[in-house]
Each structure stands twice: as C-alpha cells, then as structure tokens.
Amino acid sequence: MKLMSQFRTNMLANKISTKLFSITQIGGEFTRAYLKMYNKEMLKVEELIEIIASEAMINGVREHFI
C-alpha cells in the first residue's frame, strides 16, 4: 500500500484541455517558438477537446498583441 502511494505521487498528472489556457507567448518570443511549445504541451493532454485547444492557442498569442 505504501509503495502504491509513493508511486502515485511520482507519476506525472495528465493534463486536461483547459490547462492549455495557461500557455502563453512570452514577450519577444517568436510565434513559431510559441506554437512549438504549445504543440508539445497539447500532446500531453489525454482527452483533448479540439475547440478548447484552438481557443487556448489563439488566446495565448493574442494576449500580447491587444
């Protein structure tokens, strides 16, 4: 039982689609670099909801141009 508890705490938590909203383009970062990083994180989402992923990606870029 203790072993299972230890194992669970060391596992990476699966991301959910809404967590993608926390990924934003850093000031001065090229859009291509942002999209590469975003795609890497998007692939970690177990059950991707495409409409949320699209909105999160657009939101992450546009925040810096408003």
N, C-alpha and C. Protein backbone atom coordinates (compact mmCIF):
# COMPACT_ATOMS: atom_id res chain seq x y z
N MET A 1 0.82 -1.18 0.00
CA MET A 1 0.00 0.00 0.00
C MET A 1 0.88 1.26 0.00
N LYS A 2 1.90 1.27 0.81
CA LYS A 2 2.78 2.42 0.89
C LYS A 2 3.52 2.62 -0.45
N LEU A 3 3.89 1.50 -1.07
CA LEU A 3 4.57 1.56 -2.36
C LEU A 3 3.67 2.20 -3.42
N MET A 4 2.41 1.82 -3.47
CA MET A 4 1.47 2.39 -4.43
C MET A 4 1.28 3.89 -4.19
N SER A 5 1.21 4.28 -2.95
CA SER A 5 1.08 5.70 -2.61
C SER A 5 2.28 6.48 -3.10
N GLN A 6 3.45 5.95 -2.89
CA GLN A 6 4.70 6.58 -3.34
C GLN A 6 4.72 6.67 -4.87
N PHE A 7 4.31 5.60 -5.52
CA PHE A 7 4.31 5.55 -6.98
C PHE A 7 3.36 6.59 -7.56
N ARG A 8 2.17 6.73 -7.00
CA ARG A 8 1.18 7.69 -7.49
C ARG A 8 1.68 9.12 -7.37
N THR A 9 2.38 9.45 -6.33
CA THR A 9 2.84 10.82 -6.14
C THR A 9 3.96 11.18 -7.11
N ASN A 10 4.66 10.18 -7.63
CA ASN A 10 5.75 10.44 -8.57
C ASN A 10 5.30 10.42 -10.03
N MET A 11 4.06 10.02 -10.30
CA MET A 11 3.56 9.99 -11.67
C MET A 11 3.22 11.40 -12.12
N LEU A 12 3.42 11.68 -13.39
CA LEU A 12 3.02 12.97 -13.94
C LEU A 12 1.51 12.98 -14.08
N ALA A 13 0.90 14.07 -13.67
CA ALA A 13 -0.54 14.19 -13.81
C ALA A 13 -0.89 14.46 -15.26
N ASN A 14 -1.92 13.79 -15.75
CA ASN A 14 -2.36 14.04 -17.11
C ASN A 14 -3.00 15.42 -17.19
N LYS A 15 -2.70 16.13 -18.25
CA LYS A 15 -3.27 17.46 -18.42
C LYS A 15 -4.66 17.36 -19.00
N ILE A 16 -5.48 18.36 -18.69
CA ILE A 16 -6.79 18.47 -19.31
C ILE A 16 -6.77 19.66 -20.24
N SER A 17 -7.71 19.69 -21.17
CA SER A 17 -7.73 20.70 -22.22
C SER A 17 -7.67 22.13 -21.68
N THR A 18 -8.37 22.42 -20.60
CA THR A 18 -8.41 23.79 -20.09
C THR A 18 -7.06 24.26 -19.55
N LYS A 19 -6.17 23.34 -19.20
CA LYS A 19 -4.83 23.73 -18.73
C LYS A 19 -4.03 24.41 -19.84
N LEU A 20 -4.43 24.20 -21.09
CA LEU A 20 -3.72 24.82 -22.21
C LEU A 20 -3.85 26.34 -22.19
N PHE A 21 -4.86 26.88 -21.49
CA PHE A 21 -5.02 28.33 -21.40
C PHE A 21 -3.89 28.98 -20.61
N SER A 22 -3.16 28.19 -19.84
CA SER A 22 -2.05 28.76 -19.07
C SER A 22 -0.79 28.93 -19.90
N ILE A 23 -0.79 28.42 -21.13
CA ILE A 23 0.37 28.53 -22.01
C ILE A 23 0.22 29.79 -22.86
N THR A 24 1.12 30.73 -22.67
CA THR A 24 1.05 31.98 -23.42
C THR A 24 2.40 32.31 -24.05
N GLN A 25 2.33 33.11 -25.08
CA GLN A 25 3.55 33.54 -25.76
C GLN A 25 4.26 34.55 -24.87
N ILE A 26 5.53 34.34 -24.65
CA ILE A 26 6.33 35.22 -23.81
C ILE A 26 6.74 36.43 -24.65
N GLY A 27 6.76 37.60 -24.04
CA GLY A 27 7.15 38.81 -24.75
C GLY A 27 8.46 38.64 -25.50
N GLY A 28 8.46 38.97 -26.77
CA GLY A 28 9.65 38.84 -27.59
C GLY A 28 9.85 37.46 -28.19
N GLU A 29 9.02 36.50 -27.78
CA GLU A 29 9.13 35.14 -28.29
C GLU A 29 8.50 35.08 -29.70
N PHE A 30 9.19 34.43 -30.61
CA PHE A 30 8.63 34.26 -31.94
C PHE A 30 7.41 33.35 -31.88
N THR A 31 6.45 33.65 -32.75
CA THR A 31 5.22 32.85 -32.79
C THR A 31 5.52 31.39 -33.08
N ARG A 32 6.47 31.12 -33.94
CA ARG A 32 6.84 29.75 -34.27
C ARG A 32 7.32 29.00 -33.01
N ALA A 33 8.10 29.65 -32.17
CA ALA A 33 8.58 29.02 -30.94
C ALA A 33 7.42 28.75 -29.98
N TYR A 34 6.49 29.72 -29.89
CA TYR A 34 5.31 29.54 -29.05
C TYR A 34 4.50 28.34 -29.53
N LEU A 35 4.26 28.26 -30.83
CA LEU A 35 3.46 27.17 -31.38
C LEU A 35 4.13 25.81 -31.16
N LYS A 36 5.44 25.77 -31.24
CA LYS A 36 6.18 24.53 -31.00
C LYS A 36 6.00 24.10 -29.54
N MET A 37 6.13 25.04 -28.61
CA MET A 37 5.96 24.74 -27.20
C MET A 37 4.50 24.34 -26.91
N TYR A 38 3.55 25.07 -27.50
CA TYR A 38 2.14 24.79 -27.30
C TYR A 38 1.81 23.37 -27.78
N ASN A 39 2.29 23.02 -28.96
CA ASN A 39 2.03 21.70 -29.52
C ASN A 39 2.59 20.59 -28.62
N LYS A 40 3.77 20.82 -28.08
CA LYS A 40 4.38 19.84 -27.18
C LYS A 40 3.50 19.60 -25.95
N GLU A 41 2.97 20.68 -25.39
CA GLU A 41 2.10 20.57 -24.22
C GLU A 41 0.74 19.98 -24.60
N MET A 42 0.23 20.33 -25.77
CA MET A 42 -1.06 19.82 -26.22
C MET A 42 -1.02 18.30 -26.36
N LEU A 43 0.11 17.76 -26.78
CA LEU A 43 0.24 16.31 -26.94
C LEU A 43 0.18 15.56 -25.61
N LYS A 44 0.36 16.28 -24.50
CA LYS A 44 0.28 15.67 -23.17
C LYS A 44 -1.15 15.55 -22.66
N VAL A 45 -2.09 16.20 -23.35
CA VAL A 45 -3.49 16.17 -22.92
C VAL A 45 -4.09 14.83 -23.33
N GLU A 46 -4.61 14.11 -22.36
CA GLU A 46 -5.11 12.76 -22.61
C GLU A 46 -6.38 12.76 -23.46
N GLU A 47 -7.37 13.55 -23.09
CA GLU A 47 -8.63 13.60 -23.84
C GLU A 47 -8.82 15.02 -24.35
N LEU A 48 -8.19 15.32 -25.44
CA LEU A 48 -8.18 16.66 -25.99
C LEU A 48 -9.55 17.05 -26.53
N ILE A 49 -10.00 18.23 -26.15
CA ILE A 49 -11.22 18.80 -26.71
C ILE A 49 -10.74 19.87 -27.69
N GLU A 50 -10.92 19.61 -28.97
CA GLU A 50 -10.31 20.42 -30.01
C GLU A 50 -10.72 21.90 -29.97
N ILE A 51 -11.97 22.19 -29.73
CA ILE A 51 -12.42 23.59 -29.71
C ILE A 51 -11.75 24.35 -28.56
N ILE A 52 -11.58 23.72 -27.43
CA ILE A 52 -10.91 24.37 -26.30
C ILE A 52 -9.42 24.55 -26.62
N ALA A 53 -8.81 23.55 -27.22
CA ALA A 53 -7.40 23.64 -27.59
C ALA A 53 -7.17 24.78 -28.58
N SER A 54 -8.07 24.93 -29.55
CA SER A 54 -7.95 26.02 -30.53
C SER A 54 -8.08 27.39 -29.88
N GLU A 55 -9.07 27.53 -29.02
CA GLU A 55 -9.28 28.81 -28.33
C GLU A 55 -8.10 29.14 -27.43
N ALA A 56 -7.56 28.15 -26.74
CA ALA A 56 -6.41 28.37 -25.86
C ALA A 56 -5.19 28.81 -26.66
N MET A 57 -4.98 28.20 -27.82
CA MET A 57 -3.84 28.57 -28.65
C MET A 57 -3.96 30.02 -29.14
N ILE A 58 -5.14 30.39 -29.62
CA ILE A 58 -5.36 31.76 -30.10
C ILE A 58 -5.24 32.74 -28.96
N ASN A 59 -5.80 32.41 -27.81
CA ASN A 59 -5.73 33.28 -26.64
C ASN A 59 -4.29 33.51 -26.21
N GLY A 60 -3.48 32.49 -26.29
CA GLY A 60 -2.08 32.60 -25.88
C GLY A 60 -1.28 33.53 -26.75
N VAL A 61 -1.63 33.64 -28.02
CA VAL A 61 -0.93 34.54 -28.94
C VAL A 61 -1.50 35.94 -28.85
N ARG A 62 -2.77 36.07 -28.90
CA ARG A 62 -3.42 37.38 -28.97
C ARG A 62 -3.24 38.23 -27.71
N GLU A 63 -3.02 37.62 -26.58
CA GLU A 63 -2.86 38.40 -25.36
C GLU A 63 -1.76 39.44 -25.49
N HIS A 64 -0.76 39.14 -26.28
CA HIS A 64 0.39 40.01 -26.38
C HIS A 64 0.25 41.08 -27.46
N PHE A 65 -0.82 41.01 -28.22
CA PHE A 65 -1.00 41.98 -29.29
C PHE A 65 -2.18 42.91 -29.07
N ILE A 66 -2.87 42.78 -27.95
CA ILE A 66 -4.03 43.63 -27.66
C ILE A 66 -3.58 44.94 -27.06
